[in-house]
Amino acid sequence: MAAITTNDPSQMSDELAIKVSSISKVYPLYDSPRDRLKEALHPGRKKYHHDFYALRDVSFEIKKGETMGILGRNGSGKSTLLKVLSKVLTPTSGSCLINGKVSSLLELGTGFNPELTGMENLYFNAAIQGFQKWEIDEKLDEIIAFADIGEFIHQPVKIYSSGMYVRLAFAIAINVDPEILIIDEALAVGDMRFQQKCFRKIKEFRETGKTILFCSHDIGAILAFCTSCIWLNDGSIKYLGKPDEVTNKYQAWINYETEVSTTHKKSINEESNGELLVDLTRLWRDVSNCHQFGDNTVEMLSVAFYDANYKTINTLRGGEKVSLSPKIKFKTELSDVIVGFNIKNKLGIIVFGTNTYVEKCTIPPVKSNSIKVVAFSFIFPNLGNGTYSIDIAVASGEQIDHKQHCWKYDVIVFNTNNTLLQASFGQIFLRSDEIQITYIECFE
């Protein structure tokens, strides 16, 4: 099918802002420049390339007033899709129908001429996006005030910092009053105050009933702003649905690099005197590739992080009962063993944690080549919405004077999403009556 990109609303429902049907974008890849030349000169047009699908048969619809998030690893096709919707790229096949005036904020400086001043680029960039000079004249003071780059507005943009680039580009995109706004990771640049100002503006924009496509690696932002979400993988839609459902699946994929089954079973271990234990077989995550330090006399084989229903955790609201269980191999005999964990925000700042020594849980001396599981069960506290990671460590000795055997960084990555959460300040500690520690002999 020939590629079609049009703004003709007569070909789609009045309720829709964007309709994408079977879009594909194919690039020819050559092993060497010589192959490109050979293909160009070959009388029989013999192919010396192989096709790379940046997008493959992508279809979806976005209703007016909807905010859609787009997730995916680098190279998954997110930017290519947004460029097609912005008419920067033409799809190889498929159709893209757009009902409304589009303003897009793609890669840093897209549409800017480095030799022109900020003011000249302001008009030039808006013209590329289909806006008339009189429309920009009406919004000029508002755009300049929002960009807040002072006298640099009259200087060539080639001397701009990356922050100045995105300030001007976002000010243009958001203030020309488009019906559809497309944003591709641009807000990762800039200082915190400007980012917050941008998010407030996006919220205002959304509340007026405008349509937004928001591409970001920040799952917290996707959960906070979006009403639907697409997960792109290798150029195709892997999942499309509500943000919490899609981000949960995506986070599981990032953590485990495979789709995770959430069906688990309980079993009675004969050696446990009839105590009901959990079979964590389907919950274990291999942590061999996680960065670590220590004397390597202890090896952390795997870790499980699960809820009260024995389902793998990828997103939490706060207030749930959770369990964190590292499986540990001791390569030598040890006594006075301490096992603990820290939970950190995306800046690496520890927000809370504990260990067996603090909780007065004594682990018996371990034999060489034995495998143990230490299960921490606790009520997860309310944290600010965002992405967090867990470090787990094994040492021996006392809290103040101990020897570090294995400290594994970022063994689990998860998100918090609590729309009812009130702001909290300071470090969060677990009360001793909120945590239970189970020491389990591991029979293999």
Protein backbone atom coordinates (compact mmCIF):
# COMPACT_ATOMS: atom_id res chain seq x y z
CA MET A 1 0.00 0.00 0.00
CA ALA A 2 1.29 3.42 -0.88
CA ALA A 3 2.17 5.67 2.01
CA ILE A 4 -0.38 8.35 2.86
CA THR A 5 0.06 11.20 5.30
CA THR A 6 -2.72 13.74 5.28
CA ASN A 7 -4.47 16.28 7.44
CA ASP A 8 -7.81 15.73 5.70
CA PRO A 9 -10.30 15.13 8.58
CA SER A 10 -13.03 13.97 6.18
CA GLN A 11 -11.36 10.56 5.98
CA MET A 12 -11.70 9.81 9.70
CA SER A 13 -14.16 10.00 12.58
CA ASP A 14 -14.72 13.40 14.21
CA GLU A 15 -13.79 11.81 17.55
CA LEU A 16 -10.28 10.94 16.38
CA ALA A 17 -7.23 13.18 16.32
CA ILE A 18 -4.85 10.63 14.75
CA LYS A 19 -5.44 7.37 12.91
CA VAL A 20 -2.43 5.25 11.97
CA SER A 21 -2.98 2.23 9.73
CA SER A 22 -0.28 -0.37 9.02
CA ILE A 23 2.61 2.12 8.99
CA SER A 24 6.02 0.70 8.06
CA LYS A 25 9.31 2.49 7.58
CA VAL A 26 12.09 0.54 5.89
CA TYR A 27 15.74 1.54 5.45
CA PRO A 28 18.21 -0.28 3.20
CA LEU A 29 21.37 -1.28 5.09
CA TYR A 30 24.61 -1.98 3.27
CA ASP A 31 27.60 -3.88 4.61
CA SER A 32 29.96 -1.39 2.94
CA PRO A 33 29.86 1.75 0.74
CA ARG A 34 31.05 -0.45 -2.11
CA ASP A 35 27.81 -2.46 -1.99
CA ARG A 36 25.79 0.75 -2.26
CA LEU A 37 27.72 1.73 -5.40
CA LYS A 38 27.44 -1.77 -6.88
CA GLU A 39 23.67 -1.75 -6.42
CA ALA A 40 23.35 1.68 -8.01
CA LEU A 41 25.39 0.66 -11.07
CA HIS A 42 24.20 -2.91 -11.52
CA PRO A 43 22.30 -3.18 -14.85
CA GLY A 44 19.89 -5.74 -13.43
CA ARG A 45 19.30 -3.72 -10.24
CA LYS A 46 20.64 -6.59 -8.15
CA LYS A 47 20.15 -6.00 -4.41
CA TYR A 48 23.25 -5.69 -2.26
CA HIS A 49 21.40 -4.53 0.85
CA HIS A 50 19.09 -5.97 3.47
CA ASP A 51 15.98 -4.22 4.74
CA PHE A 52 15.82 -2.79 8.24
CA TYR A 53 12.31 -2.12 9.59
CA ALA A 54 12.38 0.90 11.88
CA LEU A 55 8.58 0.51 12.00
CA ARG A 56 6.65 -2.60 11.04
CA ASP A 57 2.87 -2.64 10.50
CA VAL A 58 2.03 -0.15 13.28
CA SER A 59 -1.67 0.69 13.74
CA PHE A 60 -3.49 2.66 16.44
CA GLU A 61 -5.97 5.48 17.00
CA ILE A 62 -5.83 8.48 19.32
CA LYS A 63 -9.03 10.25 20.31
CA LYS A 64 -9.25 14.01 20.68
CA GLY A 65 -8.22 15.09 24.16
CA GLU A 66 -6.27 11.89 24.81
CA THR A 67 -2.69 11.91 26.09
CA MET A 68 -0.79 8.89 24.77
CA GLY A 69 2.59 7.84 26.12
CA ILE A 70 5.13 5.94 24.03
CA LEU A 71 7.61 3.61 25.73
CA GLY A 72 10.45 1.51 24.39
CA ARG A 73 14.16 0.95 24.52
CA ASN A 74 16.54 2.98 22.36
CA GLY A 75 16.15 1.84 18.76
CA SER A 76 12.61 0.54 19.23
CA GLY A 77 11.12 2.99 16.69
CA LYS A 78 9.70 5.68 18.99
CA SER A 79 11.40 8.67 17.35
CA THR A 80 10.74 7.31 13.85
CA LEU A 81 7.03 7.05 14.63
CA LEU A 82 6.86 10.61 15.95
CA LYS A 83 8.74 11.91 12.90
CA VAL A 84 6.21 10.21 10.64
CA LEU A 85 3.34 11.78 12.59
CA SER A 86 5.13 15.16 12.41
CA LYS A 87 5.62 14.70 8.64
CA VAL A 88 9.39 14.92 9.01
CA LEU A 89 9.57 11.40 7.52
CA THR A 90 7.40 9.70 4.92
CA PRO A 91 6.43 6.11 5.74
CA THR A 92 7.39 3.37 3.32
CA SER A 93 3.86 1.98 3.47
CA GLY A 94 0.64 2.50 5.38
CA SER A 95 -1.47 5.55 6.07
CA CYS A 96 -1.46 8.29 8.70
CA LEU A 97 -4.50 10.54 9.04
CA ILE A 98 -4.28 13.64 11.24
CA ASN A 99 -7.22 15.79 12.28
CA GLY A 100 -5.85 19.07 13.63
CA LYS A 101 -2.91 21.44 13.63
CA VAL A 102 0.27 19.73 14.87
CA SER A 103 3.17 21.19 16.82
CA SER A 104 6.11 18.91 17.54
CA LEU A 105 9.18 19.00 19.74
CA LEU A 106 11.54 16.33 18.45
CA GLU A 107 15.31 16.08 18.75
CA LEU A 108 17.17 19.03 20.17
CA GLY A 109 17.32 21.84 17.63
CA THR A 110 15.27 20.12 14.92
CA GLY A 111 14.25 22.80 12.43
CA PHE A 112 16.75 25.37 13.75
CA ASN A 113 19.31 27.02 11.48
CA PRO A 114 22.45 27.54 13.59
CA GLU A 115 23.39 30.69 11.68
CA LEU A 116 20.08 32.44 12.38
CA THR A 117 19.22 34.22 15.61
CA GLY A 118 16.75 32.84 18.11
CA MET A 119 14.13 35.34 16.92
CA GLU A 120 14.65 34.40 13.26
CA ASN A 121 14.50 30.70 14.12
CA LEU A 122 11.34 31.32 16.08
CA TYR A 123 9.52 32.44 12.92
CA PHE A 124 11.34 29.91 10.72
CA ASN A 125 10.54 26.95 12.99
CA ALA A 126 6.89 27.94 13.33
CA ALA A 127 6.61 28.32 9.54
CA ILE A 128 7.95 24.78 9.09
CA GLN A 129 5.17 23.56 11.35
CA GLY A 130 2.56 25.34 9.22
CA PHE A 131 1.87 28.46 11.26
CA GLN A 132 1.38 31.88 9.69
CA LYS A 133 3.44 34.97 10.62
CA TRP A 134 0.43 36.74 12.09
CA GLU A 135 -0.22 33.76 14.37
CA ILE A 136 3.32 34.01 15.72
CA ASP A 137 3.10 37.80 16.05
CA GLU A 138 0.11 37.37 18.36
CA LYS A 139 2.04 34.93 20.55
CA LEU A 140 5.49 36.51 20.29
CA ASP A 141 5.66 38.12 23.74
CA GLU A 142 4.33 34.97 25.39
CA ILE A 143 6.89 32.76 23.59
CA ILE A 144 9.82 35.00 24.49
CA ALA A 145 8.73 35.20 28.12
CA PHE A 146 8.32 31.44 28.39
CA ALA A 147 11.72 30.72 26.80
CA ASP A 148 13.34 33.16 29.25
CA ILE A 149 16.72 33.28 27.49
CA GLY A 150 17.13 37.06 27.76
CA GLU A 151 19.24 38.86 25.18
CA PHE A 152 20.25 35.56 23.58
CA ILE A 153 16.96 35.65 21.66
CA HIS A 154 18.79 38.04 19.27
CA GLN A 155 21.97 35.93 19.04
CA PRO A 156 22.77 33.06 16.61
CA VAL A 157 21.55 29.75 18.05
CA LYS A 158 24.94 28.15 17.27
CA ILE A 159 26.20 29.72 20.50
CA TYR A 160 23.24 28.39 22.54
CA SER A 161 23.63 25.81 25.26
CA SER A 162 21.50 22.66 25.05
CA GLY A 163 19.21 24.17 27.70
CA MET A 164 18.66 27.31 25.62
CA TYR A 165 17.84 25.18 22.58
CA VAL A 166 15.10 23.27 24.35
CA ARG A 167 13.74 26.37 26.10
CA LEU A 168 13.18 28.13 22.79
CA ALA A 169 11.92 25.01 20.98
CA PHE A 170 9.43 24.13 23.72
CA ALA A 171 8.26 27.74 24.04
CA ILE A 172 7.44 27.75 20.32
CA ALA A 173 5.79 24.32 20.32
CA ILE A 174 3.53 24.88 23.31
CA ASN A 175 2.55 28.52 22.77
CA VAL A 176 1.39 28.49 19.15
CA ASP A 177 -1.87 26.87 20.35
CA PRO A 178 -1.76 23.61 18.35
CA GLU A 179 -4.50 21.01 18.53
CA ILE A 180 -1.99 18.15 18.68
CA LEU A 181 1.32 18.34 20.56
CA ILE A 182 4.10 15.79 19.95
CA ILE A 183 7.01 15.63 22.40
CA ASP A 184 10.04 13.34 22.03
CA GLU A 185 12.24 13.19 25.16
CA ALA A 186 13.14 16.86 24.79
CA LEU A 187 12.24 17.67 28.40
CA ALA A 188 15.15 15.57 29.65
CA VAL A 189 17.26 18.66 28.90
CA GLY A 190 17.08 21.80 30.99
CA ASP A 191 17.17 22.72 34.64
CA MET A 192 14.61 21.50 37.17
CA ARG A 193 12.63 24.75 37.32
CA PHE A 194 12.21 24.84 33.55
CA GLN A 195 11.20 21.18 33.46
CA GLN A 196 8.56 21.84 36.13
CA LYS A 197 7.30 24.85 34.18
CA CYS A 198 7.02 22.68 31.07
CA PHE A 199 5.07 19.98 32.89
CA ARG A 200 2.68 22.58 34.31
CA LYS A 201 2.15 23.91 30.80
CA ILE A 202 1.54 20.40 29.46
CA LYS A 203 -1.02 19.84 32.21
CA GLU A 204 -2.79 23.09 31.30
CA PHE A 205 -2.65 22.09 27.64
CA ARG A 206 -4.19 18.70 28.41
CA GLU A 207 -6.96 20.20 30.54
CA THR A 208 -8.11 22.33 27.60
CA GLY A 209 -8.91 19.12 25.68
CA LYS A 210 -5.89 19.09 23.37
CA THR A 211 -4.25 15.87 22.16
CA ILE A 212 -0.71 14.96 23.29
CA LEU A 213 1.79 12.29 22.24
CA PHE A 214 4.47 12.00 24.88
CA CYS A 215 7.56 9.86 24.32
CA SER A 216 9.70 9.33 27.40
CA HIS A 217 11.86 6.85 29.31
CA ASP A 218 10.45 8.36 32.51
CA ILE A 219 7.75 5.89 33.54
CA GLY A 220 6.65 8.18 36.36
CA ALA A 221 5.87 10.91 33.82
CA ILE A 222 3.97 8.44 31.63
CA LEU A 223 1.86 7.36 34.61
CA ALA A 224 1.25 10.94 35.74
CA PHE A 225 0.26 12.50 32.43
CA CYS A 226 -1.01 9.83 30.04
CA THR A 227 -4.43 8.26 29.55
CA SER A 228 -3.13 5.49 27.29
CA CYS A 229 0.24 4.03 26.40
CA ILE A 230 2.03 2.18 23.60
CA TRP A 231 5.05 -0.05 24.13
CA LEU A 232 7.15 -0.28 20.97
CA ASN A 233 9.67 -3.07 20.56
CA ASP A 234 11.76 -3.63 17.42
CA GLY A 235 9.50 -1.34 15.42
CA SER A 236 6.23 -3.08 16.34
CA ILE A 237 3.57 -2.46 18.97
CA LYS A 238 4.06 -4.99 21.73
CA TYR A 239 1.29 -3.68 23.98
CA LEU A 240 -1.29 -0.91 23.82
CA GLY A 241 -3.53 -0.08 26.76
CA LYS A 242 -3.82 1.78 30.04
CA PRO A 243 -0.55 3.31 31.30
CA ASP A 244 -0.36 1.25 34.51
CA GLU A 245 -0.88 -2.02 32.63
CA VAL A 246 1.60 -1.25 29.85
CA THR A 247 4.29 0.20 32.12
CA ASN A 248 4.01 -2.81 34.42
CA LYS A 249 4.62 -5.18 31.51
CA TYR A 250 7.40 -2.97 30.18
CA GLN A 251 9.16 -2.80 33.56
CA ALA A 252 8.95 -6.59 33.86
CA TRP A 253 10.58 -6.88 30.45
CA ILE A 254 13.34 -4.44 31.40
CA ASN A 255 14.01 -6.29 34.68
CA TYR A 256 13.88 -9.83 33.37
CA GLU A 257 14.45 -9.37 29.62
CA THR A 258 11.63 -11.81 29.05
CA GLU A 259 7.91 -11.90 29.71
CA VAL A 260 7.27 -12.94 33.29
CA SER A 261 4.62 -15.40 34.32
CA THR A 262 2.67 -14.32 37.38
CA THR A 263 1.37 -17.81 38.18
CA HIS A 264 3.16 -19.27 41.19
CA LYS A 265 2.54 -22.11 43.59
CA LYS A 266 2.98 -22.91 47.26
CA SER A 267 4.52 -26.13 48.56
CA ILE A 268 5.24 -27.94 51.80
CA ASN A 269 8.92 -28.76 52.33
CA GLU A 270 9.41 -31.93 54.35
CA GLU A 271 12.42 -30.40 56.09
CA SER A 272 10.35 -27.42 57.31
CA ASN A 273 8.31 -29.39 59.88
CA GLY A 274 5.14 -28.78 57.93
CA GLU A 275 5.67 -25.03 57.56
CA LEU A 276 4.13 -23.61 54.40
CA LEU A 277 6.89 -22.22 52.17
CA VAL A 278 6.65 -20.44 48.86
CA ASP A 279 8.02 -22.00 45.70
CA LEU A 280 9.84 -19.05 44.15
CA THR A 281 10.94 -20.91 41.04
CA ARG A 282 9.12 -18.59 38.66
CA LEU A 283 10.02 -15.46 40.62
CA TRP A 284 13.80 -15.64 40.66
CA ARG A 285 15.68 -12.99 38.74
CA ASP A 286 19.24 -13.73 37.65
CA VAL A 287 21.53 -10.99 39.01
CA SER A 288 24.88 -12.29 37.72
CA ASN A 289 25.29 -9.28 35.41
CA CYS A 290 24.63 -6.68 38.11
CA HIS A 291 27.62 -4.63 39.25
CA GLN A 292 29.03 -5.65 42.64
CA PHE A 293 31.88 -5.25 45.09
CA GLY A 294 33.18 -7.37 48.00
CA ASP A 295 35.69 -10.17 48.60
CA ASN A 296 33.64 -12.64 46.48
CA THR A 297 33.47 -15.30 49.19
CA VAL A 298 29.70 -15.00 48.79
CA GLU A 299 27.78 -15.24 45.52
CA MET A 300 24.28 -13.83 45.09
CA LEU A 301 22.57 -16.23 42.71
CA SER A 302 19.18 -14.58 42.23
CA VAL A 303 16.58 -12.33 43.82
CA ALA A 304 12.78 -12.39 44.01
CA PHE A 305 10.59 -9.34 44.70
CA TYR A 306 6.91 -10.21 45.03
CA ASP A 307 3.60 -9.19 46.62
CA ALA A 308 1.22 -10.95 49.00
CA ASN A 309 -0.24 -12.92 46.07
CA TYR A 310 3.22 -14.13 45.04
CA LYS A 311 3.26 -12.04 41.89
CA THR A 312 6.37 -10.33 40.61
CA ILE A 313 6.41 -6.62 41.52
CA ASN A 314 7.05 -3.96 38.91
CA THR A 315 4.83 -1.12 40.16
CA LEU A 316 3.76 -0.26 43.73
CA ARG A 317 1.35 2.26 45.20
CA GLY A 318 2.54 2.08 48.80
CA GLY A 319 0.92 0.34 51.72
CA GLU A 320 1.16 -3.14 50.16
CA LYS A 321 2.81 -6.11 51.82
CA VAL A 322 5.89 -7.05 49.83
CA SER A 323 8.69 -9.60 50.11
CA LEU A 324 12.30 -9.37 48.99
CA SER A 325 14.19 -12.68 48.89
CA PRO A 326 17.84 -13.03 47.84
CA LYS A 327 19.21 -16.53 47.18
CA ILE A 328 22.81 -16.62 48.42
CA LYS A 329 25.64 -19.13 47.95
CA PHE A 330 28.34 -19.14 50.62
CA LYS A 331 31.67 -20.30 49.22
CA THR A 332 33.28 -20.54 52.64
CA GLU A 333 32.24 -21.04 56.26
CA LEU A 334 30.98 -17.84 57.87
CA SER A 335 29.47 -16.78 61.17
CA ASP A 336 27.78 -13.55 62.27
CA VAL A 337 26.30 -13.17 58.81
CA ILE A 338 24.42 -9.94 58.01
CA VAL A 339 22.08 -9.64 55.03
CA GLY A 340 20.49 -6.29 54.18
CA PHE A 341 19.03 -4.10 51.46
CA ASN A 342 18.74 -0.45 50.47
CA ILE A 343 16.12 1.15 48.25
CA LYS A 344 17.32 4.18 46.25
CA ASN A 345 15.70 6.80 44.07
CA LYS A 346 16.88 7.48 40.53
CA LEU A 347 19.55 9.86 41.85
CA GLY A 348 21.09 7.04 43.89
CA ILE A 349 19.94 8.50 47.22
CA ILE A 350 18.91 5.87 49.78
CA VAL A 351 15.31 6.40 50.88
CA PHE A 352 15.12 3.45 53.27
CA GLY A 353 16.56 0.03 54.07
CA THR A 354 17.40 -2.41 56.85
CA ASN A 355 19.37 -5.58 57.62
CA THR A 356 19.25 -8.68 59.77
CA TYR A 357 21.57 -7.17 62.41
CA VAL A 358 19.39 -4.10 62.93
CA GLU A 359 16.28 -6.28 63.05
CA LYS A 360 17.93 -8.63 65.62
CA CYS A 361 17.54 -11.64 63.33
CA THR A 362 20.42 -14.04 63.98
CA ILE A 363 21.56 -16.16 61.05
CA PRO A 364 23.21 -19.41 62.21
CA PRO A 365 26.81 -20.12 61.06
CA VAL A 366 26.83 -21.24 57.42
CA LYS A 367 28.83 -24.06 55.89
CA SER A 368 30.98 -23.85 52.80
CA ASN A 369 29.05 -24.24 49.50
CA SER A 370 25.67 -23.93 51.22
CA ILE A 371 22.79 -21.99 49.65
CA LYS A 372 20.43 -19.90 51.78
CA VAL A 373 17.41 -17.66 51.23
CA VAL A 374 16.68 -14.68 53.49
CA ALA A 375 13.14 -13.33 52.96
CA PHE A 376 12.34 -9.77 54.09
CA SER A 377 8.58 -9.15 54.31
CA PHE A 378 7.25 -5.68 55.13
CA ILE A 379 4.59 -3.08 54.38
CA PHE A 380 5.98 -0.91 51.60
CA PRO A 381 5.96 2.76 52.62
CA ASN A 382 4.46 5.61 50.60
CA LEU A 383 7.14 7.14 48.39
CA GLY A 384 7.06 9.86 45.79
CA ASN A 385 6.06 8.64 42.35
CA GLY A 386 9.08 7.60 40.32
CA THR A 387 11.59 4.86 39.60
CA TYR A 388 13.55 3.11 42.35
CA SER A 389 16.18 0.38 42.56
CA ILE A 390 17.27 -2.09 45.22
CA ASP A 391 20.79 -2.99 46.39
CA ILE A 392 21.33 -6.16 48.42
CA ALA A 393 24.44 -6.89 50.47
CA VAL A 394 25.92 -9.76 52.48
CA ALA A 395 28.54 -9.13 55.18
CA SER A 396 29.78 -10.69 58.42
CA GLY A 397 30.56 -9.10 61.76
CA GLU A 398 28.64 -6.26 63.41
CA GLN A 399 26.83 -3.18 62.14
CA ILE A 400 29.79 -0.86 62.78
CA ASP A 401 32.63 -3.31 62.22
CA HIS A 402 31.95 -5.82 59.45
CA LYS A 403 33.52 -7.33 56.34
CA GLN A 404 31.72 -6.90 53.04
CA HIS A 405 31.44 -10.13 51.06
CA CYS A 406 28.99 -9.20 48.30
CA TRP A 407 27.17 -5.97 47.54
CA LYS A 408 24.98 -6.13 44.44
CA TYR A 409 23.78 -2.88 42.87
CA ASP A 410 20.36 -2.39 41.26
CA VAL A 411 19.24 -6.02 41.41
CA ILE A 412 15.60 -4.89 41.11
CA VAL A 413 14.17 -1.80 39.40
CA PHE A 414 10.54 -0.86 40.00
CA ASN A 415 8.14 2.10 39.90
CA THR A 416 5.78 3.74 42.35
CA ASN A 417 2.47 5.22 41.23
CA ASN A 418 0.15 6.61 43.88
CA THR A 419 -2.19 9.35 42.66
CA LEU A 420 -3.43 9.93 46.23
CA LEU A 421 0.05 10.30 47.68
CA GLN A 422 0.65 13.45 49.72
CA ALA A 423 4.10 15.00 49.74
CA SER A 424 6.43 13.51 52.36
CA PHE A 425 9.76 14.81 53.53
CA GLY A 426 12.89 13.30 55.00
CA GLN A 427 14.25 9.78 55.02
CA ILE A 428 11.82 6.93 55.55
CA PHE A 429 12.58 4.16 58.05
CA LEU A 430 10.79 0.89 58.62
CA ARG A 431 9.52 0.33 62.16
CA SER A 432 10.72 -2.89 63.74
CA ASP A 433 7.15 -4.12 64.13
CA GLU A 434 6.53 -3.70 60.38
CA ILE A 435 9.17 -6.13 59.09
CA GLN A 436 9.45 -9.89 59.29
CA ILE A 437 12.54 -11.86 58.29
CA THR A 438 12.41 -15.54 57.42
CA TYR A 439 15.60 -17.57 57.17
CA ILE A 440 15.05 -20.52 54.83
CA GLU A 441 17.35 -23.46 54.21
CA CYS A 442 17.56 -23.92 50.44
CA PHE A 443 17.50 -27.56 49.29
CA GLU A 444 18.76 -28.10 45.76
